Every structure is written in C-alpha cells, then in structure tokens.
C-alpha atoms as a PDB file:
ATOM      1  CA  MET A   1      -6.160   5.625  23.501  1.00  0.00           C
ATOM      2  CA  THR A   2      -3.035   5.093  25.268  1.00  0.00           C
ATOM      3  CA  ILE A   3       0.279   7.634  25.501  1.00  0.00           C
ATOM      4  CA  LEU A   4       3.768   5.941  25.140  1.00  0.00           C
ATOM      5  CA  ARG A   5       6.916   7.637  26.348  1.00  0.00           C
ATOM      6  CA  LEU A   6      10.307   6.397  25.284  1.00  0.00           C
ATOM      7  CA  GLY A   7      13.344   7.198  28.055  1.00  0.00           C
ATOM      8  CA  TYR A   8      16.931   5.601  28.181  1.00  0.00           C
ATOM      9  CA  VAL A   9      19.626   5.124  30.373  1.00  0.00           C
ATOM     10  CA  ALA A  10      22.292   7.454  32.093  1.00  0.00           C
ATOM     11  CA  MET A  11      24.879   7.674  28.998  1.00  0.00           C
ATOM     12  CA  SER A  12      24.003   9.521  25.673  1.00  0.00           C
ATOM     13  CA  MET A  13      25.802   8.208  22.534  1.00  0.00           C
ATOM     14  CA  GLU A  14      25.088  11.409  20.835  1.00  0.00           C
ATOM     15  CA  LEU A  15      27.073  13.586  23.191  1.00  0.00           C
ATOM     16  CA  LYS A  16      30.466  13.468  23.568  1.00  0.00           C
ATOM     17  CA  ASN A  17      32.753  13.505  26.794  1.00  0.00           C
ATOM     18  CA  ALA A  18      29.431  13.955  28.990  1.00  0.00           C
ATOM     19  CA  SER A  19      29.840  10.847  30.916  1.00  0.00           C
ATOM     20  CA  PRO A  20      28.084  11.493  34.007  1.00  0.00           C
ATOM     21  CA  SER A  21      29.772   8.393  36.082  1.00  0.00           C
ATOM     22  CA  GLN A  22      33.569   9.382  36.199  1.00  0.00           C
ATOM     23  CA  THR A  23      34.339   7.897  39.053  1.00  0.00           C
ATOM     24  CA  MET A  24      37.614   7.759  41.467  1.00  0.00           C
ATOM     25  CA  THR A  25      38.364   4.212  43.263  1.00  0.00           C
ATOM     26  CA  PHE A  26      39.200   4.683  47.322  1.00  0.00           C
ATOM     27  CA  ALA A  27      42.531   2.967  45.939  1.00  0.00           C
ATOM     28  CA  GLN A  28      43.582   6.031  44.181  1.00  0.00           C
ATOM     29  CA  PHE A  29      41.901   7.804  47.032  1.00  0.00           C
ATOM     30  CA  GLN A  30      44.226   6.970  49.236  1.00  0.00           C
ATOM     31  CA  LYS A  31      47.188   7.564  47.204  1.00  0.00           C
ATOM     32  CA  ILE A  32      46.772  11.358  47.370  1.00  0.00           C
ATOM     33  CA  LYS A  33      48.687  11.780  50.707  1.00  0.00           C
ATOM     34  CA  ASP A  34      47.051  15.364  51.042  1.00  0.00           C
ATOM     35  CA  ARG A  35      43.452  13.932  52.541  1.00  0.00           C
ATOM     36  CA  GLU A  36      41.549  17.072  52.273  1.00  0.00           C
ATOM     37  CA  ALA A  37      42.930  17.506  48.569  1.00  0.00           C
ATOM     38  CA  ALA A  38      41.958  13.989  47.943  1.00  0.00           C
ATOM     39  CA  ILE A  39      38.515  15.178  49.177  1.00  0.00           C
ATOM     40  CA  ARG A  40      38.249  18.130  47.002  1.00  0.00           C
ATOM     41  CA  LYS A  41      39.094  16.120  43.501  1.00  0.00           C
ATOM     42  CA  LEU A  42      36.152  13.800  44.490  1.00  0.00           C
ATOM     43  CA  GLU A  43      34.000  16.910  44.464  1.00  0.00           C
ATOM     44  CA  ARG A  44      35.847  18.123  41.041  1.00  0.00           C
ATOM     45  CA  ILE A  45      34.560  14.674  40.156  1.00  0.00           C
ATOM     46  CA  SER A  46      31.286  14.525  41.026  1.00  0.00           C
ATOM     47  CA  LEU A  47      30.527  18.403  39.969  1.00  0.00           C
ATOM     48  CA  SER A  48      31.696  17.109  36.879  1.00  0.00           C
ATOM     49  CA  ASN A  49      29.544  14.877  36.615  1.00  0.00           C
ATOM     50  CA  LEU A  50      26.667  16.524  37.454  1.00  0.00           C
ATOM     51  CA  GLN A  51      27.680  19.291  35.243  1.00  0.00           C
ATOM     52  CA  ASN A  52      27.392  16.285  32.611  1.00  0.00           C
ATOM     53  CA  THR A  53      24.124  15.338  33.785  1.00  0.00           C
ATOM     54  CA  LEU A  54      22.951  18.840  32.990  1.00  0.00           C
ATOM     55  CA  ARG A  55      24.072  18.648  29.444  1.00  0.00           C
ATOM     56  CA  ILE A  56      22.451  15.718  28.891  1.00  0.00           C
ATOM     57  CA  LEU A  57      19.013  16.804  29.986  1.00  0.00           C
ATOM     58  CA  LYS A  58      19.478  20.017  27.322  1.00  0.00           C
ATOM     59  CA  HIS A  59      19.748  17.039  25.263  1.00  0.00           C
ATOM     60  CA  ASN A  60      17.137  15.247  26.449  1.00  0.00           C
ATOM     61  CA  ALA A  61      14.753  18.487  25.894  1.00  0.00           C
ATOM     62  CA  ALA A  62      16.171  19.454  22.727  1.00  0.00           C
ATOM     63  CA  SER A  63      15.108  15.659  21.334  1.00  0.00           C
ATOM     64  CA  GLU A  64      11.759  15.983  23.124  1.00  0.00           C
ATOM     65  CA  ILE A  65      12.497  13.247  25.342  1.00  0.00           C
ATOM     66  CA  HIS A  66      10.474  13.209  28.597  1.00  0.00           C
ATOM     67  CA  PHE A  67      11.519  10.411  30.786  1.00  0.00           C
ATOM     68  CA  TYR A  68      15.647   9.976  31.788  1.00  0.00           C
ATOM     69  CA  ARG A  69      17.520   7.350  34.631  1.00  0.00           C
ATOM     70  CA  LEU A  70      20.402   9.172  36.455  1.00  0.00           C
ATOM     71  CA  THR A  71      23.212   7.471  36.974  1.00  0.00           C
ATOM     72  CA  SER A  72      23.667   5.931  40.598  1.00  0.00           C
ATOM     73  CA  ARG A  73      27.801   7.226  40.051  1.00  0.00           C
ATOM     74  CA  LEU A  74      27.143  10.604  40.275  1.00  0.00           C
ATOM     75  CA  ILE A  75      29.127  10.944  43.586  1.00  0.00           C
ATOM     76  CA  PRO A  76      32.672   8.306  43.632  1.00  0.00           C
ATOM     77  CA  LEU A  77      33.191   6.659  47.130  1.00  0.00           C
ATOM     78  CA  ALA A  78      30.048   8.977  48.787  1.00  0.00           C
ATOM     79  CA  ASN A  79      28.757   5.894  50.690  1.00  0.00           C
ATOM     80  CA  HIS A  80      32.627   4.254  51.726  1.00  0.00           C
ATOM     81  CA  ILE A  81      33.002   3.945  55.177  1.00  0.00           C
ATOM     82  CA  GLU A  82      36.255   5.982  55.244  1.00  0.00           C
ATOM     83  CA  LEU A  83      34.425   8.968  54.201  1.00  0.00           C
ATOM     84  CA  LEU A  84      31.339   9.127  56.190  1.00  0.00           C
ATOM     85  CA  ASP A  85      32.572  12.748  58.009  1.00  0.00           C
ATOM     86  CA  TRP A  86      31.843  14.117  54.146  1.00  0.00           C
ATOM     87  CA  ASN A  87      29.172  16.139  53.101  1.00  0.00           C
ATOM     88  CA  TYR A  88      29.239  15.190  49.638  1.00  0.00           C
ATOM     89  CA  LEU A  89      25.995  17.462  49.326  1.00  0.00           C
ATOM     90  CA  LYS A  90      26.761  20.691  50.242  1.00  0.00           C
ATOM     91  CA  PRO A  91      29.377  22.414  47.940  1.00  0.00           C
ATOM     92  CA  LEU A  92      27.051  20.585  44.880  1.00  0.00           C
ATOM     93  CA  ARG A  93      23.973  21.912  46.392  1.00  0.00           C
ATOM     94  CA  ALA A  94      23.445  24.559  43.285  1.00  0.00           C
ATOM     95  CA  GLN A  95      24.279  22.394  40.759  1.00  0.00           C
ATOM     96  CA  LEU A  96      21.634  19.450  42.279  1.00  0.00           C
ATOM     97  CA  ARG A  97      19.107  22.257  42.367  1.00  0.00           C
ATOM     98  CA  GLU A  98      20.235  23.173  38.454  1.00  0.00           C
ATOM     99  CA  ILE A  99      19.107  19.967  37.831  1.00  0.00           C
ATOM    100  CA  GLY A 100      15.822  19.315  39.404  1.00  0.00           C
ATOM    101  CA  ASP A 101      14.667  23.048  38.054  1.00  0.00           C
ATOM    102  CA  PHE A 102      15.601  21.988  34.719  1.00  0.00           C
ATOM    103  CA  ALA A 103      13.843  18.730  34.613  1.00  0.00           C
ATOM    104  CA  LYS A 104      10.809  20.157  36.073  1.00  0.00           C
ATOM    105  CA  GLU A 105      10.688  23.370  33.916  1.00  0.00           C
ATOM    106  CA  HIS A 106      11.181  20.753  30.773  1.00  0.00           C
ATOM    107  CA  LYS A 107       8.877  18.072  32.364  1.00  0.00           C
ATOM    108  CA  ILE A 108      11.312  15.760  32.150  1.00  0.00           C
ATOM    109  CA  ARG A 109      10.550  12.188  34.631  1.00  0.00           C
ATOM    110  CA  ILE A 110      13.992  11.263  36.273  1.00  0.00           C
ATOM    111  CA  ASP A 111      14.781   8.501  38.404  1.00  0.00           C
ATOM    112  CA  PHE A 112      17.224   6.329  39.676  1.00  0.00           C
ATOM    113  CA  HIS A 113      17.965   1.913  39.800  1.00  0.00           C
ATOM    114  CA  PRO A 114      20.876   1.187  42.011  1.00  0.00           C
ATOM    115  CA  ASP A 115      23.193  -1.008  41.376  1.00  0.00           C
ATOM    116  CA  HIS A 116      22.778  -5.057  42.013  1.00  0.00           C
ATOM    117  CA  PHE A 117      24.525  -4.903  45.755  1.00  0.00           C
ATOM    118  CA  VAL A 118      21.650  -3.024  47.263  1.00  0.00           C
ATOM    119  CA  LEU A 119      19.737  -5.841  48.805  1.00  0.00           C
ATOM    120  CA  ILE A 120      16.912  -5.234  51.251  1.00  0.00           C
ATOM    121  CA  ASN A 121      16.480  -8.907  51.809  1.00  0.00           C
ATOM    122  CA  SER A 122      19.959  -9.902  52.277  1.00  0.00           C
ATOM    123  CA  MET A 123      20.645 -12.578  54.908  1.00  0.00           C
ATOM    124  CA  LYS A 124      23.515 -10.452  56.156  1.00  0.00           C
ATOM    125  CA  LYS A 125      22.578  -7.223  58.742  1.00  0.00           C
ATOM    126  CA  GLU A 126      25.483  -5.888  57.514  1.00  0.00           C
ATOM    127  CA  ILE A 127      24.205  -5.784  53.711  1.00  0.00           C
ATOM    128  CA  LEU A 128      21.296  -4.793  54.872  1.00  0.00           C
ATOM    129  CA  LYS A 129      22.754  -1.509  56.439  1.00  0.00           C
ATOM    130  CA  ASN A 130      24.370  -0.542  53.788  1.00  0.00           C
ATOM    131  CA  SER A 131      21.610  -1.171  51.223  1.00  0.00           C
ATOM    132  CA  ILE A 132      19.678   1.337  53.315  1.00  0.00           C
ATOM    133  CA  GLN A 133      22.281   4.057  53.475  1.00  0.00           C
ATOM    134  CA  THR A 134      22.743   3.578  49.800  1.00  0.00           C
ATOM    135  CA  LEU A 135      19.392   4.272  49.149  1.00  0.00           C
ATOM    136  CA  LYS A 136      19.356   7.122  51.432  1.00  0.00           C
ATOM    137  CA  MET A 137      21.777   8.866  49.555  1.00  0.00           C
ATOM    138  CA  HIS A 138      19.528   8.454  46.313  1.00  0.00           C
ATOM    139  CA  TYR A 139      16.717  10.020  48.206  1.00  0.00           C
ATOM    140  CA  LEU A 140      18.846  13.154  49.355  1.00  0.00           C
ATOM    141  CA  LEU A 141      19.930  13.493  45.689  1.00  0.00           C
ATOM    142  CA  LEU A 142      16.536  13.774  44.843  1.00  0.00           C
ATOM    143  CA  LYS A 143      16.013  16.369  48.054  1.00  0.00           C
ATOM    144  CA  GLY A 144      18.768  18.548  47.062  1.00  0.00           C
ATOM    145  CA  MET A 145      17.371  18.293  43.185  1.00  0.00           C
ATOM    146  CA  GLY A 146      13.822  19.902  45.100  1.00  0.00           C
ATOM    147  CA  MET A 147      12.053  16.539  43.258  1.00  0.00           C
ATOM    148  CA  ASP A 148       9.508  14.959  45.364  1.00  0.00           C
ATOM    149  CA  PRO A 149      11.203  11.447  45.414  1.00  0.00           C
ATOM    150  CA  THR A 150       7.964   9.302  45.678  1.00  0.00           C
ATOM    151  CA  HIS A 151       8.156   6.174  43.261  1.00  0.00           C
ATOM    152  CA  ARG A 152      11.851   7.243  42.014  1.00  0.00           C
ATOM    153  CA  CYS A 153      13.638   4.375  42.299  1.00  0.00           C
ATOM    154  CA  VAL A 154      13.407   1.112  41.425  1.00  0.00           C
ATOM    155  CA  MET A 155      15.095  -1.946  42.599  1.00  0.00           C
ATOM    156  CA  HIS A 156      15.327  -5.856  42.351  1.00  0.00           C
ATOM    157  CA  VAL A 157      13.624  -7.699  45.361  1.00  0.00           C
ATOM    158  CA  GLY A 158      17.515  -9.089  46.076  1.00  0.00           C
ATOM    159  CA  GLY A 159      18.926 -12.733  46.509  1.00  0.00           C
ATOM    160  CA  ASN A 160      17.143 -15.886  46.434  1.00  0.00           C
ATOM    161  CA  TYR A 161      19.448 -17.734  48.258  1.00  0.00           C
ATOM    162  CA  LYS A 162      17.878 -21.157  46.443  1.00  0.00           C
ATOM    163  CA  ASP A 163      14.516 -20.650  48.590  1.00  0.00           C
ATOM    164  CA  THR A 164      11.917 -18.058  47.233  1.00  0.00           C
ATOM    165  CA  GLU A 165       9.305 -18.381  49.880  1.00  0.00           C
ATOM    166  CA  THR A 166      11.900 -17.265  52.900  1.00  0.00           C
ATOM    167  CA  SER A 167      13.567 -14.942  50.605  1.00  0.00           C
ATOM    168  CA  LEU A 168      10.139 -13.143  49.843  1.00  0.00           C
ATOM    169  CA  GLU A 169       9.173 -13.387  53.390  1.00  0.00           C
ATOM    170  CA  ARG A 170      12.294 -12.061  54.716  1.00  0.00           C
ATOM    171  CA  PHE A 171      11.931  -9.143  52.127  1.00  0.00           C
ATOM    172  CA  ILE A 172       9.075  -8.188  54.429  1.00  0.00           C
ATOM    173  CA  ASP A 173      10.559  -8.556  57.357  1.00  0.00           C
ATOM    174  CA  HIS A 174      13.473  -6.172  56.704  1.00  0.00           C
ATOM    175  CA  TRP A 175      10.670  -3.554  54.873  1.00  0.00           C
ATOM    176  CA  MET A 176       9.631  -2.555  58.614  1.00  0.00           C
ATOM    177  CA  VAL A 177      13.368  -1.892  59.308  1.00  0.00           C
ATOM    178  CA  VAL A 178      13.418   0.309  56.220  1.00  0.00           C
ATOM    179  CA  PRO A 179      12.708   4.184  57.031  1.00  0.00           C
ATOM    180  CA  ARG A 180       9.028   5.803  55.520  1.00  0.00           C
ATOM    181  CA  ALA A 181      10.280   8.130  53.494  1.00  0.00           C
ATOM    182  CA  ILE A 182      12.748   5.692  51.951  1.00  0.00           C
ATOM    183  CA  GLN A 183      10.071   3.429  51.379  1.00  0.00           C
ATOM    184  CA  LYS A 184       7.533   5.379  49.806  1.00  0.00           C
ATOM    185  CA  MET A 185      10.293   6.286  47.087  1.00  0.00           C
ATOM    186  CA  ILE A 186      11.014   2.581  45.817  1.00  0.00           C
ATOM    187  CA  MET A 187       9.616   0.587  42.734  1.00  0.00           C
ATOM    188  CA  LEU A 188       9.910  -3.127  42.483  1.00  0.00           C
ATOM    189  CA  GLU A 189      11.107  -4.529  39.043  1.00  0.00           C
ATOM    190  CA  ASN A 190      10.590  -8.789  38.538  1.00  0.00           C
ATOM    191  CA  ASP A 191      13.728 -10.043  37.319  1.00  0.00           C
ATOM    192  CA  ASP A 192      15.322 -12.804  34.938  1.00  0.00           C
ATOM    193  CA  THR A 193      16.998 -14.889  37.627  1.00  0.00           C
ATOM    194  CA  SER A 194      14.753 -15.169  40.876  1.00  0.00           C
ATOM    195  CA  PHE A 195      11.571 -13.387  41.199  1.00  0.00           C
ATOM    196  CA  THR A 196       8.905 -13.786  38.753  1.00  0.00           C
ATOM    197  CA  LEU A 197       5.974 -11.158  38.021  1.00  0.00           C
ATOM    198  CA  GLU A 198       4.019 -13.208  40.587  1.00  0.00           C
ATOM    199  CA  ASP A 199       6.466 -12.894  43.277  1.00  0.00           C
ATOM    200  CA  CYS A 200       6.835  -9.034  43.048  1.00  0.00           C
ATOM    201  CA  LEU A 201       3.416  -8.980  42.760  1.00  0.00           C
ATOM    202  CA  TYR A 202       3.143 -11.164  46.362  1.00  0.00           C
ATOM    203  CA  LEU A 203       4.884  -8.248  47.422  1.00  0.00           C
ATOM    204  CA  CYS A 204       3.870  -5.210  45.777  1.00  0.00           C
ATOM    205  CA  GLU A 205       0.146  -6.066  46.755  1.00  0.00           C
ATOM    206  CA  LYS A 206       1.206  -6.792  50.005  1.00  0.00           C
ATOM    207  CA  LEU A 207       3.678  -3.789  50.909  1.00  0.00           C
ATOM    208  CA  ASP A 208       2.123  -1.306  48.429  1.00  0.00           C
ATOM    209  CA  ILE A 209       4.873  -0.598  46.090  1.00  0.00           C
ATOM    210  CA  PRO A 210       4.289   0.113  42.523  1.00  0.00           C
ATOM    211  CA  LEU A 211       5.358  -3.257  39.878  1.00  0.00           C
ATOM    212  CA  VAL A 212       7.640  -2.001  36.930  1.00  0.00           C
ATOM    213  CA  PHE A 213       7.290  -4.843  34.474  1.00  0.00           C
ATOM    214  CA  ASP A 214      10.168  -6.063  32.650  1.00  0.00           C
ATOM    215  CA  TYR A 215       8.977  -7.603  29.519  1.00  0.00           C
ATOM    216  CA  HIS A 216      12.083  -9.117  28.362  1.00  0.00           C
ATOM    217  CA  HIS A 217      13.059  -9.964  32.248  1.00  0.00           C
ATOM    218  CA  HIS A 218       9.570 -12.141  32.028  1.00  0.00           C
ATOM    219  CA  LEU A 219       9.934 -14.042  28.401  1.00  0.00           C
ATOM    220  CA  ALA A 220      13.515 -14.933  30.626  1.00  0.00           C
ATOM    221  CA  HIS A 221      11.848 -15.823  33.986  1.00  0.00           C
ATOM    222  CA  HIS A 222       8.698 -16.532  34.734  1.00  0.00           C
ATOM    223  CA  GLN A 223       6.216 -19.369  36.626  1.00  0.00           C
ATOM    224  CA  ASN A 224       3.422 -19.114  33.787  1.00  0.00           C
ATOM    225  CA  PRO A 225       4.083 -16.815  30.729  1.00  0.00           C
ATOM    226  CA  ASP A 226       0.991 -15.482  29.708  1.00  0.00           C
ATOM    227  CA  TRP A 227       1.553 -12.215  31.641  1.00  0.00           C
ATOM    228  CA  GLU A 228      -1.511 -10.838  31.064  1.00  0.00           C
ATOM    229  CA  VAL A 229      -3.788 -12.539  32.603  1.00  0.00           C
ATOM    230  CA  HIS A 230      -1.800 -10.193  35.917  1.00  0.00           C
ATOM    231  CA  TRP A 231      -1.599  -7.055  34.115  1.00  0.00           C
ATOM    232  CA  GLU A 232      -4.411  -5.277  35.963  1.00  0.00           C
ATOM    233  CA  ARG A 233      -2.734  -6.251  39.087  1.00  0.00           C
ATOM    234  CA  VAL A 234       0.263  -4.807  37.506  1.00  0.00           C
ATOM    235  CA  ILE A 235      -1.466  -1.281  36.441  1.00  0.00           C
ATOM    236  CA  GLN A 236      -3.193  -1.378  40.524  1.00  0.00           C
ATOM    237  CA  THR A 237       0.066  -1.292  41.541  1.00  0.00           C
ATOM    238  CA  TRP A 238       0.593   2.521  40.923  1.00  0.00           C
ATOM    239  CA  ARG A 239      -3.049   3.451  42.161  1.00  0.00           C
ATOM    240  CA  HIS A 240      -1.060   5.552  44.683  1.00  0.00           C
ATOM    241  CA  SER A 241       1.453   7.198  42.946  1.00  0.00           C
ATOM    242  CA  PRO A 242       1.731  10.791  41.440  1.00  0.00           C
ATOM    243  CA  LEU A 243       3.252   9.105  38.339  1.00  0.00           C
ATOM    244  CA  PRO A 244       1.981   7.198  35.502  1.00  0.00           C
ATOM    245  CA  VAL A 245       2.737   3.386  35.144  1.00  0.00           C
ATOM    246  CA  LYS A 246       6.343   2.378  34.301  1.00  0.00           C
ATOM    247  CA  MET A 247       7.604  -0.347  32.759  1.00  0.00           C
ATOM    248  CA  HIS A 248      11.357  -1.802  31.382  1.00  0.00           C
ATOM    249  CA  ILE A 249      11.662  -2.864  27.731  1.00  0.00           C
ATOM    250  CA  SER A 250      14.898  -4.507  25.795  1.00  0.00           C
ATOM    251  CA  SER A 251      15.716  -7.455  24.098  1.00  0.00           C
ATOM    252  CA  PRO A 252      17.926 -10.602  23.616  1.00  0.00           C
ATOM    253  CA  LYS A 253      21.407 -10.146  22.506  1.00  0.00           C
ATOM    254  CA  SER A 254      20.349 -13.436  21.053  1.00  0.00           C
ATOM    255  CA  GLN A 255      18.493 -16.575  21.843  1.00  0.00           C
ATOM    256  CA  LYS A 256      22.007 -18.540  23.241  1.00  0.00           C
ATOM    257  CA  GLU A 257      22.975 -15.480  25.279  1.00  0.00           C
ATOM    258  CA  PHE A 258      18.773 -14.911  26.221  1.00  0.00           C
ATOM    259  CA  ARG A 259      19.263 -12.554  29.477  1.00  0.00           C
ATOM    260  CA  HIS A 260      21.834  -9.996  28.130  1.00  0.00           C
ATOM    261  CA  HIS A 261      20.634  -7.183  26.385  1.00  0.00           C
ATOM    262  CA  ALA A 262      20.727  -6.289  22.866  1.00  0.00           C
ATOM    263  CA  ASP A 263      22.237  -3.191  21.279  1.00  0.00           C
ATOM    264  CA  PHE A 264      18.799  -1.700  20.101  1.00  0.00           C
ATOM    265  CA  VAL A 265      15.008  -2.830  20.704  1.00  0.00           C
ATOM    266  CA  ASP A 266      13.119  -5.493  18.094  1.00  0.00           C
ATOM    267  CA  VAL A 267      10.373  -3.380  17.472  1.00  0.00           C
ATOM    268  CA  ASP A 268       8.105  -6.881  16.970  1.00  0.00           C
ATOM    269  CA  MET A 269       8.865  -7.599  20.339  1.00  0.00           C
ATOM    270  CA  PHE A 270       7.422  -4.212  22.081  1.00  0.00           C
ATOM    271  CA  PHE A 271       4.540  -3.931  20.195  1.00  0.00           C
ATOM    272  CA  ASN A 272       3.212  -7.506  20.851  1.00  0.00           C
ATOM    273  CA  PHE A 273       3.276  -6.129  24.754  1.00  0.00           C
ATOM    274  CA  LEU A 274       1.835  -3.002  22.620  1.00  0.00           C
ATOM    275  CA  GLN A 275      -0.929  -4.262  21.204  1.00  0.00           C
ATOM    276  CA  ALA A 276      -1.646  -6.496  24.568  1.00  0.00           C
ATOM    277  CA  ILE A 277      -1.864  -3.989  26.983  1.00  0.00           C
ATOM    278  CA  LYS A 278      -3.562  -0.906  24.264  1.00  0.00           C
ATOM    279  CA  GLY A 279      -6.715   0.959  26.044  1.00  0.00           C
ATOM    280  CA  SER A 280      -5.977  -0.582  29.614  1.00  0.00           C
ATOM    281  CA  ILE A 281      -4.350   2.768  31.119  1.00  0.00           C
ATOM    282  CA  PRO A 282      -4.024   6.322  29.704  1.00  0.00           C
ATOM    283  CA  GLN A 283      -0.518   6.762  29.634  1.00  0.00           C
ATOM    284  CA  ILE A 284       2.929   4.198  29.911  1.00  0.00           C
ATOM    285  CA  ASP A 285       6.669   5.482  30.697  1.00  0.00           C
ATOM    286  CA  CYS A 286       8.903   3.059  29.019  1.00  0.00           C
ATOM    287  CA  MET A 287      12.217   3.154  29.993  1.00  0.00           C
ATOM    288  CA  ILE A 288      15.046   1.779  27.351  1.00  0.00           C
ATOM    289  CA  GLU A 289      17.513  -0.573  28.558  1.00  0.00           C
ATOM    290  CA  ALA A 290      19.296  -0.935  25.533  1.00  0.00           C
ATOM    291  CA  LYS A 291      22.916  -1.014  24.974  1.00  0.00           C
ATOM    292  CA  ARG A 292      23.443   2.031  22.553  1.00  0.00           C
ATOM    293  CA  LYS A 293      21.273   4.313  25.001  1.00  0.00           C
ATOM    294  CA  ASP A 294      19.686   7.303  23.439  1.00  0.00           C
ATOM    295  CA  GLU A 295      20.788   6.102  19.881  1.00  0.00           C
ATOM    296  CA  ALA A 296      18.346   3.164  19.978  1.00  0.00           C
ATOM    297  CA  LEU A 297      15.474   5.289  21.143  1.00  0.00           C
ATOM    298  CA  PHE A 298      15.902   7.343  17.988  1.00  0.00           C
ATOM    299  CA  HIS A 299      16.437   4.299  16.006  1.00  0.00           C
ATOM    300  CA  LEU A 300      13.098   2.361  17.680  1.00  0.00           C
ATOM    301  CA  MET A 301      11.531   5.834  16.932  1.00  0.00           C
ATOM    302  CA  GLU A 302      12.290   6.123  13.849  1.00  0.00           C
ATOM    303  CA  GLU A 303      10.986   2.150  12.841  1.00  0.00           C
ATOM    304  CA  ILE A 304       7.530   3.545  14.830  1.00  0.00           C
ATOM    305  CA  LYS A 305       7.069   6.209  12.527  1.00  0.00           C
ATOM    306  CA  ALA A 306       6.842   3.725   9.545  1.00  0.00           C
ATOM    307  CA  ARG A 307       3.598   1.856  11.117  1.00  0.00           C
ATOM    308  CA  ASP A 308       0.487   2.581  10.977  1.00  0.00           C
ATOM    309  CA  ASP A 309      -0.966   1.773  13.913  1.00  0.00           C
ATOM    310  CA  VAL A 310       0.381   4.662  15.476  1.00  0.00           C
ATOM    311  CA  GLU A 311      -0.056   8.886  15.536  1.00  0.00           C
ATOM    312  CA  ILE A 312       3.443  10.521  16.545  1.00  0.00           C
ATOM    313  CA  ILE A 313       3.482  12.990  19.117  1.00  0.00           C
ATOM    314  CA  ASP A 314       6.908  14.144  18.992  1.00  0.00           C
ATOM    315  CA  GLY A 315      10.076  12.612  18.980  1.00  0.00           C
ATOM    316  CA  SER A 316      10.275  10.375  21.839  1.00  0.00           C
ATOM    317  CA  SER A 317       6.181  10.070  22.300  1.00  0.00           C
ATOM    318  CA  PHE A 318       3.292   8.432  20.519  1.00  0.00           C
ATOM    319  CA  HIS A 319      -0.342   7.404  20.862  1.00  0.00           C
ATOM    320  CA  LEU A 320      -1.228   3.571  20.542  1.00  0.00           C
ATOM    321  CA  THR A 321      -4.188   3.579  17.994  1.00  0.00           C
END
C-alpha cells in the first residue's frame, strides 16, 4: 500500500493575524531617515514572520499535518543590493532554531519554493547572480533552523526564451557555477507554459536532481498527455534523496482559466492520478497548491474520508488500498 501525506502552502486560513509574509518595500525603508532605525524595523517584521511561522507549525501539529511549505518572504529585503551589509540572520537565530526544532520534534517536512524571478538559465549574468544569491538565502535559513537543506527547495527551470533546447542546455551550463551545497538543495518542477515533464526529466536525469511532478501543470502543458509512461523515471530521480517523493496537486479554476489554481482540489481529478501510481512507491507527499490553503486540505480530507478505496491514518494522511 502507498501512504499519502497532504501539505499546504505558507498561509493558514484558520489562524487570524498570522501572516508569515509581512513585508516592507525599499521605498518604505528609504522614508525612514535613520538607517539603523529602518533596519531595526525590518528585523521586527522578520521576527513577527518567524513567530507566525511557529504558530502555523503548532496549528499543523495539532491538526496532524506533516508537510508544509515555508514562505520565501520571511525576511523582507534580505537580498536587496542596498542592504548587503545587513546580517539579517544574527538577530533571528533563536527564532529560526525554534522553528527547526519544532518541525523536527513533530516530524513536519518543511521546504521552500522561491519566486519566479529565480532563473538559473537566464541569459543575463546579473539575473543568474541574483538567483544564486536568493537560493543562498534559502540555504542559510534552513541551516539556521538546523535543518538538512538537501532537497528542500523546489524551483522551475526558468525562461524558455522561444528556444526550449537552448534554454535547457543553458541551465546545464549555469548549473556548473551553482555552489555544490545549493545544488543539493534543489528540486525541479515541470511548469504550465515552458518546460514539460519530458524536458524536466532530461535535466533531472542528467544532473541528478529530484523531479517534483505537478499534475495540473502537466495537464495544461505537455508533449505526451500520457505521463504514466514516465512515472518510473520520475521515481528514479528520487533514488538518492533522504526524503519521500514529492508532487504538487491543484485543480483548474475553470476551463477558460485552466492554468489558474482553484480554491479547492477536485477529489476525482486527484484520485485519477493516485489510482495510476498506487503501489509504485511506499510513500508520496502531496503539496496542495489551492487558494484556500489549509482549508482546502481539510475539505479534501473530508471528501477522502467518504471514499471506500482508502484507509485514513490521521488528519492529513491515508493509505491507498
């Protein structure tokens, strides 16, 4: 039997005043005449974000949720070119460690998904440099939490630039300048407009990177609609990982807006996928990318509990039978 564990992204719809993504723009920063006072305000916002992250993790533990994606916006302006002298980790060390200790104690898998501006295959050297700097921030945050960063940061291949083959090869070229420790942190995901499952498998197999299969993205953008012929290859990309295979699940908002995520997950669409992979692996962790976040997870679990082809384990996990 295959174990399924559900997770969700960043925000809780159940907790009030618990955003882990509070921010400050550089324009707002500049309006504060005393630079040190402005930096202290940034640190207070960051501390609040970390405190809310811990609140969310406690909510997850109480709800028996074992999989959670941290927001990449924990530290506002962390990599801004005008603030490179700011040691943002120093005042946050205790709070970062508390988050990591709690996640480990309650066996909650945590990871990141940097924003779309992280482009390893960019044609511009400055964007590549900034992308590596952003990935380094994620690496340092995980290290600050006391977490092994291996395979805890999922990202897209990058820009297509109207030439898929050249863009894939540029990714390989640029991968060689990414520090080894950061390389080990990365997972790649097929996207809904530029790089298909087959494109990502090409990179993942060549560079030994785990592939996070996004089922919704595949339905929106594919070479061959039959993803099942490649499923064993997807599994094999995880053979050296200390973590279970990971996938993304979401549903189209509508046929007209197919690429947009719906508020909730279509249980029938989800089980079309699950029935195909049943028994192929011992466990798979499914990250729900739905607008209603943890509410979507709870709603999906209620629908799953009504089915006769599963055995419920707890609040977010079940066996496929």
